[in-house]
């Protein structure tokens, strides 16, 4: 499911696309510097064929995942929403299998090193779709994935188009979201749904309901009255009522029967690590690496606490530091100043180059995200025309 993978999928596609531009420039300059031999001709031809297939794949990916397309800054599909019905899930699986076969059948030896790496990344990305939809069948166990909050918020938070245009897209998505809420009742299986997943969805539900009842109408308050505005008001009211009904169904019908396991199991976890992070270390060894690192950090923590206050325990030192907290009204400006200081330090000490001088806008974490989020970064996609980026706290 793209929702589960978007954290790494969006940068991956961006890296692949930007990598093509970089490699193409390098190949062009090399061609100008020296006459190509037969091997170079062969590699260039294979690379060109690979790039053509990737262009087809990206187009297919954008059409299959319209919410993902919006996040990347491709706004051709803003009037659509991900299809979470049984048919939609089947299309996702077929898509992943088709393109895994396409990229898996390419002669890797004929590609340039950069494109060989691109191919490996794409295969891992595609393989990462299958566990969520075939092995784990996340659509049978995650009630939160059927809520359209992120799909709608993605059209509101950035000013990539006139307000009235974005309102029309929100209207279309809200109408389409009703089908996903209906599909949830068919897809979610009590025997597979963990109680904790329902509890998290219900914990966030009041904020989700408030978002659609208050925040979404407020976002389009400046749009004048007319047919489009009335269509939006109607669609938004219908969706808010449907979400309320969904919450009641989760609590009264699904939660009492829920008996699923939250843990995904060793096999699925191993595959997820391999696909998402290309980590193939055996799990027992990986666990030992983690425990060793935890012990090292605990030792460093103890030494650092002693430097701060040697007369008290590390736990007491932490509690005293936790009291050094800005007031509620000062949290956002304090974080914003801290981010600016961090950037200046990194650049001033030549730790890394920062390609943009645009700082992220520090905002409160949207209420519907707070159950599982401490802080997060929301950057514009590689195709986005606006530079608005948000750091949520």
Protein backbone atom coordinates (compact mmCIF):
# COMPACT_ATOMS: atom_id res chain seq x y z
CA UNK A 1 0.00 0.00 0.00
CA UNK A 2 1.46 3.33 -1.00
CA UNK A 3 0.38 4.89 2.25
CA UNK A 4 2.63 2.50 4.10
CA UNK A 5 5.53 3.02 1.80
CA UNK A 6 5.34 6.69 0.94
CA UNK A 7 8.06 7.62 3.39
CA UNK A 8 10.68 6.01 1.19
CA UNK A 9 8.86 5.72 -2.10
CA UNK A 10 8.57 9.43 -2.80
CA UNK A 11 12.30 10.15 -2.36
CA UNK A 12 13.14 7.03 -4.34
CA UNK A 13 11.21 8.13 -7.40
CA UNK A 14 12.65 11.61 -7.06
CA UNK A 15 16.19 10.26 -6.82
CA UNK A 16 15.67 8.06 -9.86
CA UNK A 17 14.27 10.91 -11.95
CA UNK A 18 16.92 13.39 -10.87
CA UNK A 19 19.55 10.73 -11.38
CA UNK A 20 18.52 10.35 -15.01
CA UNK A 21 19.11 14.05 -15.59
CA UNK A 22 22.54 13.89 -13.94
CA UNK A 23 23.64 10.78 -15.80
CA UNK A 24 22.35 12.16 -19.10
CA UNK A 25 24.45 15.30 -18.60
CA UNK A 26 27.53 13.21 -17.77
CA UNK A 27 27.05 10.98 -20.81
CA UNK A 28 26.60 14.01 -23.07
CA UNK A 29 29.78 15.65 -21.84
CA UNK A 30 31.71 12.40 -22.18
CA UNK A 31 30.44 12.01 -25.73
CA UNK A 32 31.64 15.49 -26.57
CA UNK A 33 35.07 14.77 -25.10
CA UNK A 34 35.86 11.53 -26.92
CA UNK A 35 34.42 9.46 -29.76
CA UNK A 36 32.27 6.58 -28.41
CA UNK A 37 33.29 2.96 -28.86
CA UNK A 38 30.98 -0.02 -29.39
CA UNK A 39 30.60 -0.70 -25.66
CA UNK A 40 29.59 2.89 -25.02
CA UNK A 41 27.04 2.70 -27.81
CA UNK A 42 25.61 -0.48 -26.27
CA UNK A 43 25.39 1.00 -22.77
CA UNK A 44 23.86 4.24 -24.04
CA UNK A 45 21.25 2.28 -25.96
CA UNK A 46 20.41 0.10 -22.95
CA UNK A 47 20.21 3.16 -20.70
CA UNK A 48 17.89 4.91 -23.16
CA UNK A 49 15.61 1.87 -23.26
CA UNK A 50 15.64 1.65 -19.46
CA UNK A 51 14.76 5.33 -19.11
CA UNK A 52 11.85 4.91 -21.51
CA UNK A 53 10.46 2.04 -19.41
CA UNK A 54 10.90 4.04 -16.22
CA UNK A 55 9.00 6.95 -17.75
CA UNK A 56 6.13 4.52 -18.51
CA UNK A 57 6.34 3.16 -14.97
CA UNK A 58 6.25 6.60 -13.33
CA UNK A 59 3.20 7.54 -15.41
CA UNK A 60 1.49 4.31 -14.39
CA UNK A 61 2.43 4.91 -10.77
CA UNK A 62 0.96 8.41 -10.77
CA UNK A 63 -2.32 7.20 -12.27
CA UNK A 64 -2.62 4.32 -9.82
CA UNK A 65 -1.81 6.48 -6.77
CA UNK A 66 -3.35 9.94 -7.30
CA UNK A 67 -2.68 10.96 -3.68
CA UNK A 68 0.98 10.04 -4.14
CA UNK A 69 1.03 12.09 -7.34
CA UNK A 70 -0.27 15.11 -5.43
CA UNK A 71 2.42 14.66 -2.78
CA UNK A 72 5.09 14.61 -5.51
CA UNK A 73 3.69 17.78 -7.07
CA UNK A 74 2.02 16.16 -10.09
CA UNK A 75 -1.45 17.71 -9.97
CA UNK A 76 -3.04 16.04 -12.98
CA UNK A 77 -4.93 13.63 -10.71
CA UNK A 78 -5.99 15.94 -7.89
CA UNK A 79 -9.67 15.14 -8.56
CA UNK A 80 -9.10 11.44 -7.84
CA UNK A 81 -8.43 9.36 -4.74
CA UNK A 82 -6.68 6.02 -4.18
CA UNK A 83 -9.07 3.14 -4.85
CA UNK A 84 -9.15 0.93 -1.73
CA UNK A 85 -11.88 -1.42 -2.91
CA UNK A 86 -11.11 -5.08 -3.63
CA UNK A 87 -10.74 -4.16 -7.30
CA UNK A 88 -8.35 -1.32 -6.45
CA UNK A 89 -6.19 -3.60 -4.29
CA UNK A 90 -6.07 -6.10 -7.14
CA UNK A 91 -4.85 -3.38 -9.50
CA UNK A 92 -2.08 -2.47 -7.07
CA UNK A 93 -0.87 -6.07 -6.91
CA UNK A 94 -1.04 -6.47 -10.70
CA UNK A 95 0.89 -3.21 -11.15
CA UNK A 96 3.68 -4.33 -8.83
CA UNK A 97 3.94 -7.77 -10.43
CA UNK A 98 3.95 -6.37 -13.97
CA UNK A 99 6.72 -3.87 -13.39
CA UNK A 100 8.76 -6.25 -11.26
CA UNK A 101 8.78 -8.58 -14.27
CA UNK A 102 9.67 -5.73 -16.64
CA UNK A 103 12.60 -4.40 -14.62
CA UNK A 104 13.66 -7.88 -13.51
CA UNK A 105 13.99 -8.94 -17.14
CA UNK A 106 16.40 -6.16 -18.09
CA UNK A 107 20.00 -7.22 -18.74
CA UNK A 108 21.71 -5.51 -15.83
CA UNK A 109 25.16 -5.97 -17.37
CA UNK A 110 24.20 -3.70 -20.27
CA UNK A 111 23.30 -0.75 -18.02
CA UNK A 112 25.57 1.96 -16.72
CA UNK A 113 26.39 1.68 -12.99
CA UNK A 114 24.02 4.53 -12.12
CA UNK A 115 21.10 2.95 -13.95
CA UNK A 116 21.94 -0.44 -12.53
CA UNK A 117 21.48 1.11 -9.08
CA UNK A 118 18.22 2.74 -10.23
CA UNK A 119 16.94 -0.66 -11.33
CA UNK A 120 17.75 -2.22 -7.96
CA UNK A 121 15.95 0.60 -6.14
CA UNK A 122 12.88 0.24 -8.33
CA UNK A 123 12.75 -3.54 -7.85
CA UNK A 124 12.98 -3.09 -4.07
CA UNK A 125 10.24 -0.45 -4.19
CA UNK A 126 7.93 -2.72 -6.20
CA UNK A 127 8.64 -5.75 -4.06
CA UNK A 128 7.78 -3.61 -1.04
CA UNK A 129 4.22 -3.23 -2.33
CA UNK A 130 3.50 -6.95 -2.31
CA UNK A 131 3.94 -7.85 1.40
CA UNK A 132 1.49 -5.14 2.47
CA UNK A 133 -1.13 -6.24 -0.03
CA UNK A 134 -0.60 -10.00 -0.36
CA UNK A 135 1.22 -11.35 2.69
CA UNK A 136 -0.01 -8.94 5.38
CA UNK A 137 -3.13 -7.72 3.56
CA UNK A 138 -3.01 -4.41 5.36
CA UNK A 139 -6.37 -3.43 3.91
CA UNK A 140 -7.90 -6.13 6.14
CA UNK A 141 -6.29 -4.86 9.35
CA UNK A 142 -5.74 -1.07 9.25
CA UNK A 143 -8.89 1.04 9.77
CA UNK A 144 -6.95 4.29 9.54
CA UNK A 145 -5.96 3.84 5.91
CA UNK A 146 -9.54 4.36 4.72
CA UNK A 147 -9.83 7.87 6.17
CA UNK A 148 -9.32 10.60 3.52
CA UNK A 149 -7.72 13.20 5.78
CA UNK A 150 -4.29 13.21 4.15
CA UNK A 151 -5.83 13.11 0.66
CA UNK A 152 -7.78 16.30 1.36
CA UNK A 153 -5.10 18.04 3.39
CA UNK A 154 -2.63 17.51 0.55
CA UNK A 155 -4.77 19.85 -1.57
CA UNK A 156 -5.13 22.51 1.13
CA UNK A 157 -1.76 22.95 2.83
CA UNK A 158 0.19 24.23 -0.20
CA UNK A 159 -0.88 27.05 -2.50
CA UNK A 160 0.08 25.34 -5.75
CA UNK A 161 -3.12 26.49 -7.52
CA UNK A 162 -5.90 29.09 -7.06
CA UNK A 163 -8.11 28.45 -4.05
CA UNK A 164 -11.28 27.81 -6.07
CA UNK A 165 -9.49 25.22 -8.21
CA UNK A 166 -8.22 23.36 -5.16
CA UNK A 167 -11.72 23.51 -3.66
CA UNK A 168 -13.15 21.74 -6.72
CA UNK A 169 -10.51 19.03 -6.35
CA UNK A 170 -11.36 18.63 -2.67
CA UNK A 171 -15.02 18.27 -3.61
CA UNK A 172 -14.19 15.49 -6.07
CA UNK A 173 -12.01 13.67 -3.56
CA UNK A 174 -14.58 13.95 -0.80
CA UNK A 175 -17.23 12.40 -3.03
CA UNK A 176 -14.87 9.58 -4.01
CA UNK A 177 -13.86 9.01 -0.36
CA UNK A 178 -17.37 7.81 0.45
CA UNK A 179 -16.69 4.66 -1.59
CA UNK A 180 -13.53 3.92 0.40
CA UNK A 181 -15.41 4.21 3.68
CA UNK A 182 -17.93 1.72 2.30
CA UNK A 183 -15.09 -0.55 1.17
CA UNK A 184 -13.64 -0.47 4.70
CA UNK A 185 -16.65 -2.32 6.06
CA UNK A 186 -16.09 -5.09 3.49
CA UNK A 187 -12.29 -5.22 3.68
CA UNK A 188 -11.60 -5.05 7.42
CA UNK A 189 -11.66 -8.49 9.04
CA UNK A 190 -12.14 -8.79 12.82
CA UNK A 191 -9.87 -11.82 12.99
CA UNK A 192 -7.03 -9.83 11.40
CA UNK A 193 -7.55 -6.33 12.82
CA UNK A 194 -5.49 -5.56 15.97
CA UNK A 195 -7.39 -3.79 18.73
CA UNK A 196 -4.58 -1.25 19.03
CA UNK A 197 -5.11 -0.22 15.39
CA UNK A 198 -8.76 0.52 16.13
CA UNK A 199 -7.86 2.33 19.35
CA UNK A 200 -5.43 4.60 17.48
CA UNK A 201 -8.04 5.36 14.80
CA UNK A 202 -10.65 6.16 17.45
CA UNK A 203 -8.18 8.24 19.46
CA UNK A 204 -7.59 10.44 16.42
CA UNK A 205 -11.23 10.41 15.32
CA UNK A 206 -12.40 13.53 17.23
CA UNK A 207 -9.62 15.55 15.61
CA UNK A 208 -10.42 14.04 12.21
CA UNK A 209 -14.09 14.93 12.58
CA UNK A 210 -13.23 18.46 13.71
CA UNK A 211 -10.92 18.82 10.71
CA UNK A 212 -13.72 18.16 8.24
CA UNK A 213 -16.39 20.07 10.17
CA UNK A 214 -14.32 23.18 10.84
CA UNK A 215 -10.84 23.32 9.25
CA UNK A 216 -11.79 22.28 5.71
CA UNK A 217 -14.72 24.78 5.41
CA UNK A 218 -12.52 27.49 6.90
CA UNK A 219 -9.82 26.81 4.28
CA UNK A 220 -12.28 27.78 1.52
CA UNK A 221 -14.18 30.51 3.36
CA UNK A 222 -12.88 33.16 0.94
CA UNK A 223 -14.29 31.40 -2.13
CA UNK A 224 -17.43 33.20 -3.26
CA UNK A 225 -20.85 31.60 -3.31
CA UNK A 226 -21.90 29.76 -6.44
CA UNK A 227 -22.47 26.28 -7.82
CA UNK A 228 -18.92 25.12 -7.01
CA UNK A 229 -19.10 26.37 -3.44
CA UNK A 230 -22.48 24.75 -2.86
CA UNK A 231 -21.18 21.47 -4.29
CA UNK A 232 -18.24 21.63 -1.89
CA UNK A 233 -20.42 22.39 1.13
CA UNK A 234 -22.66 19.43 0.29
CA UNK A 235 -19.79 17.01 -0.33
CA UNK A 236 -17.99 18.06 2.84
CA UNK A 237 -21.13 17.67 4.98
CA UNK A 238 -21.82 14.23 3.50
CA UNK A 239 -18.26 13.10 4.15
CA UNK A 240 -18.28 14.42 7.73
CA UNK A 241 -21.46 12.44 8.39
CA UNK A 242 -19.96 9.33 6.79
CA UNK A 243 -16.83 9.60 8.95
CA UNK A 244 -18.99 9.87 12.05
CA UNK A 245 -20.86 6.74 10.96
CA UNK A 246 -17.54 4.97 10.31
CA UNK A 247 -16.35 5.84 13.82
CA UNK A 248 -19.53 4.40 15.31
CA UNK A 249 -19.10 1.21 13.28
CA UNK A 250 -15.49 0.82 14.41
CA UNK A 251 -16.45 1.19 18.05
CA UNK A 252 -19.70 -0.77 18.12
CA UNK A 253 -19.06 -3.50 15.55
CA UNK A 254 -15.38 -4.03 14.74
CA UNK A 255 -13.62 -3.30 18.04
CA UNK A 256 -15.51 -5.85 20.19
CA UNK A 257 -14.64 -8.63 17.71
CA UNK A 258 -11.09 -7.54 16.83
CA UNK A 259 -8.56 -10.31 17.49
CA UNK A 260 -5.69 -9.61 15.09
CA UNK A 261 -1.99 -9.50 15.95
CA UNK A 262 -0.18 -6.19 15.77
CA UNK A 263 3.20 -7.83 15.09
CA UNK A 264 3.77 -8.57 11.42
CA UNK A 265 6.10 -11.53 11.99
CA UNK A 266 9.76 -12.19 11.27
CA UNK A 267 9.36 -13.04 7.57
CA UNK A 268 7.39 -9.89 6.74
CA UNK A 269 9.70 -7.73 8.87
CA UNK A 270 12.79 -9.15 7.15
CA UNK A 271 11.27 -8.46 3.75
CA UNK A 272 10.22 -4.95 4.75
CA UNK A 273 13.78 -4.11 5.85
CA UNK A 274 15.20 -5.49 2.65
CA UNK A 275 12.74 -3.60 0.42
CA UNK A 276 12.57 -0.30 2.30
CA UNK A 277 16.18 0.07 3.44
CA UNK A 278 18.02 -2.68 1.52
CA UNK A 279 19.13 -4.16 4.85
CA UNK A 280 19.71 -7.91 4.53
CA UNK A 281 21.45 -8.57 7.85
CA UNK A 282 19.95 -11.66 9.60
CA UNK A 283 17.45 -10.56 12.23
CA UNK A 284 19.32 -12.11 15.16
CA UNK A 285 22.47 -10.27 14.11
CA UNK A 286 20.53 -7.05 13.53
CA UNK A 287 19.03 -7.31 17.00
CA UNK A 288 22.50 -7.73 18.49
CA UNK A 289 23.75 -4.69 16.57
CA UNK A 290 20.85 -2.71 18.00
CA UNK A 291 21.48 -3.89 21.55
CA UNK A 292 25.20 -3.08 21.27
CA UNK A 293 24.41 0.41 20.01
CA UNK A 294 21.84 0.89 22.79
CA UNK A 295 24.44 -0.06 25.39
CA UNK A 296 26.97 2.34 23.87
CA UNK A 297 24.48 5.20 23.85
CA UNK A 298 23.38 4.46 27.42
CA UNK A 299 27.00 4.70 28.50
CA UNK A 300 27.43 8.01 26.65
CA UNK A 301 24.19 9.22 28.18
CA UNK A 302 25.42 8.43 31.69
CA UNK A 303 28.72 10.25 31.10
CA UNK A 304 26.96 13.28 29.62
CA UNK A 305 24.51 13.44 32.54
CA UNK A 306 27.42 13.40 34.97
CA UNK A 307 29.01 16.35 33.18
CA UNK A 308 25.77 18.29 33.56
CA UNK A 309 25.17 17.38 37.20
CA UNK A 310 27.36 14.77 38.90
CA UNK A 311 25.38 14.95 42.16
CA UNK A 312 22.19 13.48 40.68
CA UNK A 313 21.26 10.35 38.77
CA UNK A 314 20.90 10.43 34.99
CA UNK A 315 17.12 10.07 35.37
CA UNK A 316 17.01 13.09 37.70
CA UNK A 317 19.10 15.10 35.24
CA UNK A 318 16.66 14.29 32.46
CA UNK A 319 13.72 15.35 34.58
CA UNK A 320 15.41 18.65 35.42
CA UNK A 321 16.20 19.32 31.75
CA UNK A 322 12.60 18.53 30.79
CA UNK A 323 11.51 21.45 32.92
CA UNK A 324 13.43 23.80 30.61
CA UNK A 325 10.55 24.01 28.19
CA UNK A 326 9.12 27.05 26.42
CA UNK A 327 5.55 28.06 27.12
CA UNK A 328 2.83 26.89 24.75
CA UNK A 329 2.86 30.23 22.92
CA UNK A 330 6.65 30.10 22.50
CA UNK A 331 7.03 26.54 21.22
CA UNK A 332 6.74 27.35 17.51
CA UNK A 333 9.05 30.40 17.46
CA UNK A 334 11.56 28.52 19.65
CA UNK A 335 11.65 25.59 17.26
CA UNK A 336 11.88 27.91 14.24
CA UNK A 337 14.87 29.71 15.80
CA UNK A 338 16.47 26.38 16.61
CA UNK A 339 16.13 25.15 13.04
CA UNK A 340 17.75 28.34 11.75
CA UNK A 341 20.63 27.94 14.23
CA UNK A 342 21.11 24.31 13.19
CA UNK A 343 21.29 25.27 9.54
CA UNK A 344 23.80 28.04 10.25
CA UNK A 345 25.95 25.65 12.27
CA UNK A 346 25.96 22.95 9.57
CA UNK A 347 26.83 25.45 6.84
CA UNK A 348 29.27 27.47 8.95
CA UNK A 349 31.25 24.39 10.00
CA UNK A 350 31.20 22.95 6.46
CA UNK A 351 29.47 19.76 7.62
CA UNK A 352 27.22 19.68 4.55
CA UNK A 353 26.03 21.94 1.79
CA UNK A 354 22.38 23.01 1.91
CA UNK A 355 21.03 23.59 -1.60
CA UNK A 356 18.27 26.00 -0.58
CA UNK A 357 18.08 29.05 1.64
CA UNK A 358 14.36 28.49 2.21
CA UNK A 359 13.67 27.43 5.79
CA UNK A 360 10.71 25.19 6.61
CA UNK A 361 7.59 26.74 8.07
CA UNK A 362 7.15 25.53 11.63
CA UNK A 363 3.56 24.51 12.31
CA UNK A 364 1.59 22.63 14.91
CA UNK A 365 1.20 18.96 14.04
CA UNK A 366 -2.30 18.54 12.60
CA UNK A 367 -4.50 17.11 15.37
CA UNK A 368 -5.40 14.02 13.33
CA UNK A 369 -1.67 13.08 13.21
CA UNK A 370 -0.82 13.49 16.89
CA UNK A 371 -1.59 10.00 18.18
CA UNK A 372 1.59 8.53 16.66
CA UNK A 373 3.74 11.58 15.85
CA UNK A 374 6.20 13.61 17.93
CA UNK A 375 7.64 15.78 15.15
CA UNK A 376 7.81 15.41 11.38
CA UNK A 377 9.02 17.06 8.19
CA UNK A 378 6.75 17.65 5.18
CA UNK A 379 8.78 18.73 2.15
CA UNK A 380 7.34 19.66 -1.27
CA UNK A 381 7.60 16.95 -3.91
CA UNK A 382 10.17 17.04 -6.72
CA UNK A 383 7.54 18.22 -9.23
CA UNK A 384 6.02 20.85 -6.94
CA UNK A 385 6.27 24.49 -8.07
CA UNK A 386 5.92 25.97 -4.59
CA UNK A 387 8.79 25.80 -2.09
CA UNK A 388 6.56 25.53 0.99
CA UNK A 389 7.91 22.97 3.44
CA UNK A 390 6.53 22.31 6.91
CA UNK A 391 8.17 21.13 10.11
CA UNK A 392 5.42 19.85 12.41
CA UNK A 393 5.77 19.84 16.20
